[in-house]
Amino acid sequence: MADDPSPDLQRETPGPEQEAPSSQAPPAPGKRVPAPPPSLRTQKAKKAKDEHRPAWDDRHHLNFNDDNAEKPKRLRSYFSRPQSLPELRAEVEKRPHAKSILKKLEAEEALAQVPTFVSADAGPAVCPTRHVAGGDMLDRDGTRCPWNNRWQAGVHILNEQMHPLHRSSFATKSLFETAPSQRWRRHLDVQNECGSWRSMVTSKGARFPPLGV
């Protein structure tokens, strides 16, 4: 029995069916498996990118003009810096549906603006044509008519001098509106140009009746 090794020294070699136990248990079904840690190369690339990135500016909302609200519109400072004409043209060309803006850039420079007649204005308007009476539109018959600069005129301005049955209101019309004796007042006409008038009366009536009638 001397050739037999001691039972304490005998070790059983694991077979193919007997494997060493794993240190990590398999994830439960439906549980999200955590992502592996980033590699060293990824960490170095992210660190190099962060080094070249400028620090966050806590005063980004401030400008050098403290009295910006008290200045005229053309002297105020904004977030975007003023661009030169070539830079502005290149920027506009990148945008779709900007042909009208390019035409205005290529047009001749307008003359100096006339100072406003309102004494409370600090400076001329940025868009002068915005506050000018003009333009045209289609009437109920589809005919293009110009802006009526006498829109406030009518027989109603003479209501105080008329009999109550002859007065004009929103719901009732005065018989003097179409009277031949009042034709010279041109209350139902609109001026196309100096000395040229056309009637505002349309064959189609109003789409909706007067309110409150």
C-alpha atoms as a PDB file:
ATOM      1  CA  MET A   1       0.000   0.000   0.000  1.00  0.00           C
ATOM      2  CA  ALA A   2       3.096   2.233  -0.065  1.00  0.00           C
ATOM      3  CA  ASP A   3       2.658   3.031  -3.742  1.00  0.00           C
ATOM      4  CA  ASP A   4      -0.785   4.537  -3.202  1.00  0.00           C
ATOM      5  CA  PRO A   5      -0.665   8.248  -2.589  1.00  0.00           C
ATOM      6  CA  SER A   6      -2.161   9.699   0.516  1.00  0.00           C
ATOM      7  CA  PRO A   7      -5.843  10.504   0.210  1.00  0.00           C
ATOM      8  CA  ASP A   8      -5.068  14.033   1.458  1.00  0.00           C
ATOM      9  CA  LEU A   9      -2.695  14.595  -1.481  1.00  0.00           C
ATOM     10  CA  GLN A  10      -5.019  13.228  -4.101  1.00  0.00           C
ATOM     11  CA  ARG A  11      -6.690  15.902  -6.239  1.00  0.00           C
ATOM     12  CA  GLU A  12      -9.394  15.166  -8.643  1.00  0.00           C
ATOM     13  CA  THR A  13      -8.819  16.605 -12.096  1.00  0.00           C
ATOM     14  CA  PRO A  14     -11.970  18.395 -13.331  1.00  0.00           C
ATOM     15  CA  GLY A  15     -13.440  16.814 -16.370  1.00  0.00           C
ATOM     16  CA  PRO A  16     -15.171  18.486 -19.258  1.00  0.00           C
ATOM     17  CA  GLU A  17     -18.472  18.314 -17.409  1.00  0.00           C
ATOM     18  CA  GLN A  18     -17.009  19.907 -14.252  1.00  0.00           C
ATOM     19  CA  GLU A  19     -15.994  23.552 -14.809  1.00  0.00           C
ATOM     20  CA  ALA A  20     -14.835  26.174 -12.374  1.00  0.00           C
ATOM     21  CA  PRO A  21     -17.673  28.306 -11.002  1.00  0.00           C
ATOM     22  CA  SER A  22     -18.004  31.775 -12.618  1.00  0.00           C
ATOM     23  CA  SER A  23     -17.434  34.861 -10.468  1.00  0.00           C
ATOM     24  CA  GLN A  24     -20.342  36.745 -12.152  1.00  0.00           C
ATOM     25  CA  ALA A  25     -23.848  35.379 -12.156  1.00  0.00           C
ATOM     26  CA  PRO A  26     -25.775  35.599 -15.442  1.00  0.00           C
ATOM     27  CA  PRO A  27     -28.103  38.625 -15.647  1.00  0.00           C
ATOM     28  CA  ALA A  28     -31.691  38.099 -14.824  1.00  0.00           C
ATOM     29  CA  PRO A  29     -34.087  38.094 -17.778  1.00  0.00           C
ATOM     30  CA  GLY A  30     -35.292  41.618 -18.597  1.00  0.00           C
ATOM     31  CA  LYS A  31     -32.475  43.303 -16.693  1.00  0.00           C
ATOM     32  CA  ARG A  32     -30.273  45.789 -18.584  1.00  0.00           C
ATOM     33  CA  VAL A  33     -26.635  44.788 -18.843  1.00  0.00           C
ATOM     34  CA  PRO A  34     -24.286  47.689 -17.942  1.00  0.00           C
ATOM     35  CA  ALA A  35     -22.048  48.944 -20.724  1.00  0.00           C
ATOM     36  CA  PRO A  36     -18.378  48.132 -20.511  1.00  0.00           C
ATOM     37  CA  PRO A  37     -16.045  50.928 -19.342  1.00  0.00           C
ATOM     38  CA  PRO A  38     -14.562  53.120 -22.109  1.00  0.00           C
ATOM     39  CA  SER A  39     -11.188  52.194 -23.420  1.00  0.00           C
ATOM     40  CA  LEU A  40      -8.055  54.181 -22.664  1.00  0.00           C
ATOM     41  CA  ARG A  41      -7.916  55.547 -26.208  1.00  0.00           C
ATOM     42  CA  THR A  42     -11.467  56.915 -25.940  1.00  0.00           C
ATOM     43  CA  GLN A  43     -10.659  58.593 -22.632  1.00  0.00           C
ATOM     44  CA  LYS A  44      -7.559  60.263 -24.094  1.00  0.00           C
ATOM     45  CA  ALA A  45      -9.460  61.530 -27.148  1.00  0.00           C
ATOM     46  CA  LYS A  46     -12.217  63.006 -24.965  1.00  0.00           C
ATOM     47  CA  LYS A  47      -9.673  64.647 -22.673  1.00  0.00           C
ATOM     48  CA  ALA A  48      -7.837  66.230 -25.643  1.00  0.00           C
ATOM     49  CA  LYS A  49     -11.148  67.539 -27.034  1.00  0.00           C
ATOM     50  CA  ASP A  50     -12.082  69.103 -23.708  1.00  0.00           C
ATOM     51  CA  GLU A  51      -8.705  70.847 -23.480  1.00  0.00           C
ATOM     52  CA  HIS A  52      -9.270  72.712 -26.773  1.00  0.00           C
ATOM     53  CA  ARG A  53     -12.839  73.695 -25.888  1.00  0.00           C
ATOM     54  CA  PRO A  54     -13.076  77.219 -24.408  1.00  0.00           C
ATOM     55  CA  ALA A  55     -14.465  77.650 -20.932  1.00  0.00           C
ATOM     56  CA  TRP A  56     -18.096  78.676 -20.451  1.00  0.00           C
ATOM     57  CA  ASP A  57     -18.620  82.442 -20.371  1.00  0.00           C
ATOM     58  CA  ASP A  58     -20.859  83.382 -17.454  1.00  0.00           C
ATOM     59  CA  ARG A  59     -21.204  86.958 -18.811  1.00  0.00           C
ATOM     60  CA  HIS A  60     -22.350  86.020 -22.319  1.00  0.00           C
ATOM     61  CA  HIS A  61     -25.596  87.972 -21.953  1.00  0.00           C
ATOM     62  CA  LEU A  62     -23.882  91.306 -21.251  1.00  0.00           C
ATOM     63  CA  ASN A  63     -22.758  93.869 -23.833  1.00  0.00           C
ATOM     64  CA  PHE A  64     -20.566  96.917 -23.672  1.00  0.00           C
ATOM     65  CA  ASN A  65     -23.463  99.380 -23.825  1.00  0.00           C
ATOM     66  CA  ASP A  66     -25.148  99.782 -20.473  1.00  0.00           C
ATOM     67  CA  ASP A  67     -27.531 102.434 -21.841  1.00  0.00           C
ATOM     68  CA  ASN A  68     -28.559 100.352 -24.863  1.00  0.00           C
ATOM     69  CA  ALA A  69     -32.292 100.887 -24.301  1.00  0.00           C
ATOM     70  CA  GLU A  70     -31.870 104.675 -24.245  1.00  0.00           C
ATOM     71  CA  LYS A  71     -30.119 104.856 -27.626  1.00  0.00           C
ATOM     72  CA  PRO A  72     -31.766 105.087 -31.070  1.00  0.00           C
ATOM     73  CA  LYS A  73     -32.307 101.825 -32.915  1.00  0.00           C
ATOM     74  CA  ARG A  74     -29.413 102.327 -35.313  1.00  0.00           C
ATOM     75  CA  LEU A  75     -26.920 102.958 -32.490  1.00  0.00           C
ATOM     76  CA  ARG A  76     -27.807  99.975 -30.312  1.00  0.00           C
ATOM     77  CA  SER A  77     -25.555  96.943 -29.996  1.00  0.00           C
ATOM     78  CA  TYR A  78     -26.888  93.403 -30.383  1.00  0.00           C
ATOM     79  CA  PHE A  79     -25.488  89.881 -30.118  1.00  0.00           C
ATOM     80  CA  SER A  80     -24.583  89.672 -33.811  1.00  0.00           C
ATOM     81  CA  ARG A  81     -21.843  91.958 -35.042  1.00  0.00           C
ATOM     82  CA  PRO A  82     -22.390  94.161 -38.115  1.00  0.00           C
ATOM     83  CA  GLN A  83     -21.488  92.354 -41.335  1.00  0.00           C
ATOM     84  CA  SER A  84     -19.902  93.801 -44.419  1.00  0.00           C
ATOM     85  CA  LEU A  85     -21.856  93.798 -47.677  1.00  0.00           C
ATOM     86  CA  PRO A  86     -20.019  90.743 -49.162  1.00  0.00           C
ATOM     87  CA  GLU A  87     -20.480  88.808 -45.920  1.00  0.00           C
ATOM     88  CA  LEU A  88     -24.159  89.702 -45.789  1.00  0.00           C
ATOM     89  CA  ARG A  89     -24.688  88.700 -49.434  1.00  0.00           C
ATOM     90  CA  ALA A  90     -22.960  85.340 -48.851  1.00  0.00           C
ATOM     91  CA  GLU A  91     -25.091  84.719 -45.782  1.00  0.00           C
ATOM     92  CA  VAL A  92     -28.348  85.551 -47.571  1.00  0.00           C
ATOM     93  CA  GLU A  93     -27.515  83.340 -50.562  1.00  0.00           C
ATOM     94  CA  LYS A  94     -27.451  80.296 -48.261  1.00  0.00           C
ATOM     95  CA  ARG A  95     -31.049  80.835 -47.223  1.00  0.00           C
ATOM     96  CA  PRO A  96     -33.971  79.629 -49.368  1.00  0.00           C
ATOM     97  CA  HIS A  97     -36.581  82.066 -50.708  1.00  0.00           C
ATOM     98  CA  ALA A  98     -34.269  85.071 -50.314  1.00  0.00           C
ATOM     99  CA  LYS A  99     -34.361  86.439 -53.872  1.00  0.00           C
ATOM    100  CA  SER A 100     -36.245  89.574 -52.837  1.00  0.00           C
ATOM    101  CA  ILE A 101     -33.607  90.367 -50.218  1.00  0.00           C
ATOM    102  CA  LEU A 102     -30.800  89.926 -52.765  1.00  0.00           C
ATOM    103  CA  LYS A 103     -32.564  92.322 -55.147  1.00  0.00           C
ATOM    104  CA  LYS A 104     -32.690  94.972 -52.428  1.00  0.00           C
ATOM    105  CA  LEU A 105     -28.983  94.483 -51.714  1.00  0.00           C
ATOM    106  CA  GLU A 106     -28.112  94.934 -55.398  1.00  0.00           C
ATOM    107  CA  ALA A 107     -30.368  97.986 -55.786  1.00  0.00           C
ATOM    108  CA  GLU A 108     -29.064 101.518 -55.481  1.00  0.00           C
ATOM    109  CA  GLU A 109     -28.839 103.005 -52.044  1.00  0.00           C
ATOM    110  CA  ALA A 110     -31.868 105.070 -51.085  1.00  0.00           C
ATOM    111  CA  LEU A 111     -31.588 108.774 -50.403  1.00  0.00           C
ATOM    112  CA  ALA A 112     -31.216 110.152 -46.919  1.00  0.00           C
ATOM    113  CA  GLN A 113     -34.376 109.821 -44.883  1.00  0.00           C
ATOM    114  CA  VAL A 114     -36.434 112.852 -44.065  1.00  0.00           C
ATOM    115  CA  PRO A 115     -36.587 113.510 -40.312  1.00  0.00           C
ATOM    116  CA  THR A 116     -39.841 112.447 -38.755  1.00  0.00           C
ATOM    117  CA  PHE A 117     -42.419 115.105 -37.988  1.00  0.00           C
ATOM    118  CA  VAL A 118     -43.259 113.494 -34.636  1.00  0.00           C
ATOM    119  CA  SER A 119     -41.175 115.247 -31.997  1.00  0.00           C
ATOM    120  CA  ALA A 120     -41.320 112.277 -29.588  1.00  0.00           C
ATOM    121  CA  ASP A 121     -39.442 109.959 -31.993  1.00  0.00           C
ATOM    122  CA  ALA A 122     -35.762 109.513 -31.157  1.00  0.00           C
ATOM    123  CA  GLY A 123     -34.825 108.841 -34.778  1.00  0.00           C
ATOM    124  CA  PRO A 124     -36.176 107.886 -38.200  1.00  0.00           C
ATOM    125  CA  ALA A 125     -37.955 104.583 -38.624  1.00  0.00           C
ATOM    126  CA  VAL A 126     -35.903 101.569 -39.680  1.00  0.00           C
ATOM    127  CA  CYS A 127     -38.554 100.692 -42.328  1.00  0.00           C
ATOM    128  CA  PRO A 128     -39.855 104.040 -43.657  1.00  0.00           C
ATOM    129  CA  THR A 129     -42.285 102.456 -46.125  1.00  0.00           C
ATOM    130  CA  ARG A 130     -44.061 100.662 -43.307  1.00  0.00           C
ATOM    131  CA  HIS A 131     -45.801 103.825 -42.097  1.00  0.00           C
ATOM    132  CA  VAL A 132     -46.783 105.202 -45.531  1.00  0.00           C
ATOM    133  CA  ALA A 133     -50.384 104.973 -46.725  1.00  0.00           C
ATOM    134  CA  GLY A 134     -50.492 102.999 -49.949  1.00  0.00           C
ATOM    135  CA  GLY A 135     -50.909  99.596 -51.535  1.00  0.00           C
ATOM    136  CA  ASP A 136     -53.839  97.962 -53.255  1.00  0.00           C
ATOM    137  CA  MET A 137     -56.201  95.040 -52.786  1.00  0.00           C
ATOM    138  CA  LEU A 138     -59.053  93.194 -54.500  1.00  0.00           C
ATOM    139  CA  ASP A 139     -62.651  94.266 -53.902  1.00  0.00           C
ATOM    140  CA  ARG A 140     -65.647  91.895 -53.767  1.00  0.00           C
ATOM    141  CA  ASP A 141     -65.833  91.741 -57.568  1.00  0.00           C
ATOM    142  CA  GLY A 142     -62.140  90.793 -57.838  1.00  0.00           C
ATOM    143  CA  THR A 143     -61.101  94.178 -59.223  1.00  0.00           C
ATOM    144  CA  ARG A 144     -57.850  95.599 -57.924  1.00  0.00           C
ATOM    145  CA  CYS A 145     -58.428  98.954 -56.237  1.00  0.00           C
ATOM    146  CA  PRO A 146     -55.942 101.297 -54.570  1.00  0.00           C
ATOM    147  CA  TRP A 147     -55.855 102.401 -50.958  1.00  0.00           C
ATOM    148  CA  ASN A 148     -58.716 104.764 -50.174  1.00  0.00           C
ATOM    149  CA  ASN A 149     -57.152 107.688 -48.360  1.00  0.00           C
ATOM    150  CA  ARG A 150     -60.666 109.082 -47.768  1.00  0.00           C
ATOM    151  CA  TRP A 151     -61.944 106.013 -45.924  1.00  0.00           C
ATOM    152  CA  GLN A 152     -63.297 108.188 -43.100  1.00  0.00           C
ATOM    153  CA  ALA A 153     -65.447 110.324 -45.463  1.00  0.00           C
ATOM    154  CA  GLY A 154     -69.135 109.684 -45.915  1.00  0.00           C
ATOM    155  CA  VAL A 155     -72.598 111.085 -45.402  1.00  0.00           C
ATOM    156  CA  HIS A 156     -72.355 110.123 -41.722  1.00  0.00           C
ATOM    157  CA  ILE A 157     -70.131 113.150 -41.074  1.00  0.00           C
ATOM    158  CA  LEU A 158     -73.235 115.273 -41.720  1.00  0.00           C
ATOM    159  CA  ASN A 159     -75.609 113.253 -39.512  1.00  0.00           C
ATOM    160  CA  GLU A 160     -76.022 116.012 -36.940  1.00  0.00           C
ATOM    161  CA  GLN A 161     -77.435 118.327 -39.610  1.00  0.00           C
ATOM    162  CA  MET A 162     -79.907 115.784 -41.039  1.00  0.00           C
ATOM    163  CA  HIS A 163     -83.295 114.501 -40.103  1.00  0.00           C
ATOM    164  CA  PRO A 164     -83.151 111.225 -38.118  1.00  0.00           C
ATOM    165  CA  LEU A 165     -84.714 109.350 -41.039  1.00  0.00           C
ATOM    166  CA  HIS A 166     -81.996 110.614 -43.421  1.00  0.00           C
ATOM    167  CA  ARG A 167     -78.991 109.777 -41.278  1.00  0.00           C
ATOM    168  CA  SER A 168     -76.451 107.087 -42.130  1.00  0.00           C
ATOM    169  CA  SER A 169     -75.412 104.317 -39.733  1.00  0.00           C
ATOM    170  CA  PHE A 170     -73.861 100.850 -39.818  1.00  0.00           C
ATOM    171  CA  ALA A 171     -77.198  99.164 -40.499  1.00  0.00           C
ATOM    172  CA  THR A 172     -78.992 101.755 -42.624  1.00  0.00           C
ATOM    173  CA  LYS A 173     -77.840 103.829 -45.578  1.00  0.00           C
ATOM    174  CA  SER A 174     -78.787 107.430 -46.185  1.00  0.00           C
ATOM    175  CA  LEU A 175     -80.701 108.409 -49.317  1.00  0.00           C
ATOM    176  CA  PHE A 176     -78.174 111.201 -49.848  1.00  0.00           C
ATOM    177  CA  GLU A 177     -75.342 108.702 -50.499  1.00  0.00           C
ATOM    178  CA  THR A 178     -76.524 108.075 -54.062  1.00  0.00           C
ATOM    179  CA  ALA A 179     -78.380 111.348 -54.584  1.00  0.00           C
ATOM    180  CA  PRO A 180     -77.258 113.237 -57.732  1.00  0.00           C
ATOM    181  CA  SER A 181     -77.117 116.457 -55.715  1.00  0.00           C
ATOM    182  CA  GLN A 182     -74.383 114.959 -53.474  1.00  0.00           C
ATOM    183  CA  ARG A 183     -72.336 113.455 -56.271  1.00  0.00           C
ATOM    184  CA  TRP A 184     -69.756 116.204 -56.028  1.00  0.00           C
ATOM    185  CA  ARG A 185     -68.781 115.007 -52.550  1.00  0.00           C
ATOM    186  CA  ARG A 186     -67.535 111.657 -54.020  1.00  0.00           C
ATOM    187  CA  HIS A 187     -68.359 109.712 -50.853  1.00  0.00           C
ATOM    188  CA  LEU A 188     -68.709 106.499 -52.879  1.00  0.00           C
ATOM    189  CA  ASP A 189     -65.609 107.023 -55.038  1.00  0.00           C
ATOM    190  CA  VAL A 190     -61.937 106.215 -54.608  1.00  0.00           C
ATOM    191  CA  GLN A 191     -59.118 108.192 -56.183  1.00  0.00           C
ATOM    192  CA  ASN A 192     -56.856 106.210 -58.498  1.00  0.00           C
ATOM    193  CA  GLU A 193     -54.527 109.143 -59.066  1.00  0.00           C
ATOM    194  CA  CYS A 194     -54.726 112.913 -59.073  1.00  0.00           C
ATOM    195  CA  GLY A 195     -57.915 113.805 -61.014  1.00  0.00           C
ATOM    196  CA  SER A 196     -58.917 110.177 -61.694  1.00  0.00           C
ATOM    197  CA  TRP A 197     -61.768 108.652 -59.684  1.00  0.00           C
ATOM    198  CA  ARG A 198     -63.629 105.327 -59.778  1.00  0.00           C
ATOM    199  CA  SER A 199     -66.710 104.035 -57.980  1.00  0.00           C
ATOM    200  CA  MET A 200     -66.369 101.835 -54.919  1.00  0.00           C
ATOM    201  CA  VAL A 201     -69.814 100.258 -55.413  1.00  0.00           C
ATOM    202  CA  THR A 202     -69.570  96.517 -56.177  1.00  0.00           C
ATOM    203  CA  SER A 203     -72.136  94.203 -57.726  1.00  0.00           C
ATOM    204  CA  LYS A 204     -71.614  91.613 -54.973  1.00  0.00           C
ATOM    205  CA  GLY A 205     -72.956  92.510 -51.572  1.00  0.00           C
ATOM    206  CA  ALA A 206     -71.221  92.141 -48.246  1.00  0.00           C
ATOM    207  CA  ARG A 207     -70.585  88.569 -47.161  1.00  0.00           C
ATOM    208  CA  PHE A 208     -71.840  89.167 -43.614  1.00  0.00           C
ATOM    209  CA  PRO A 209     -74.615  91.482 -42.432  1.00  0.00           C
ATOM    210  CA  PRO A 210     -73.874  94.352 -40.028  1.00  0.00           C
ATOM    211  CA  LEU A 211     -73.300  93.247 -36.435  1.00  0.00           C
ATOM    212  CA  GLY A 212     -76.099  93.835 -33.970  1.00  0.00           C
ATOM    213  CA  VAL A 213     -78.820  94.139 -36.603  1.00  0.00           C
END
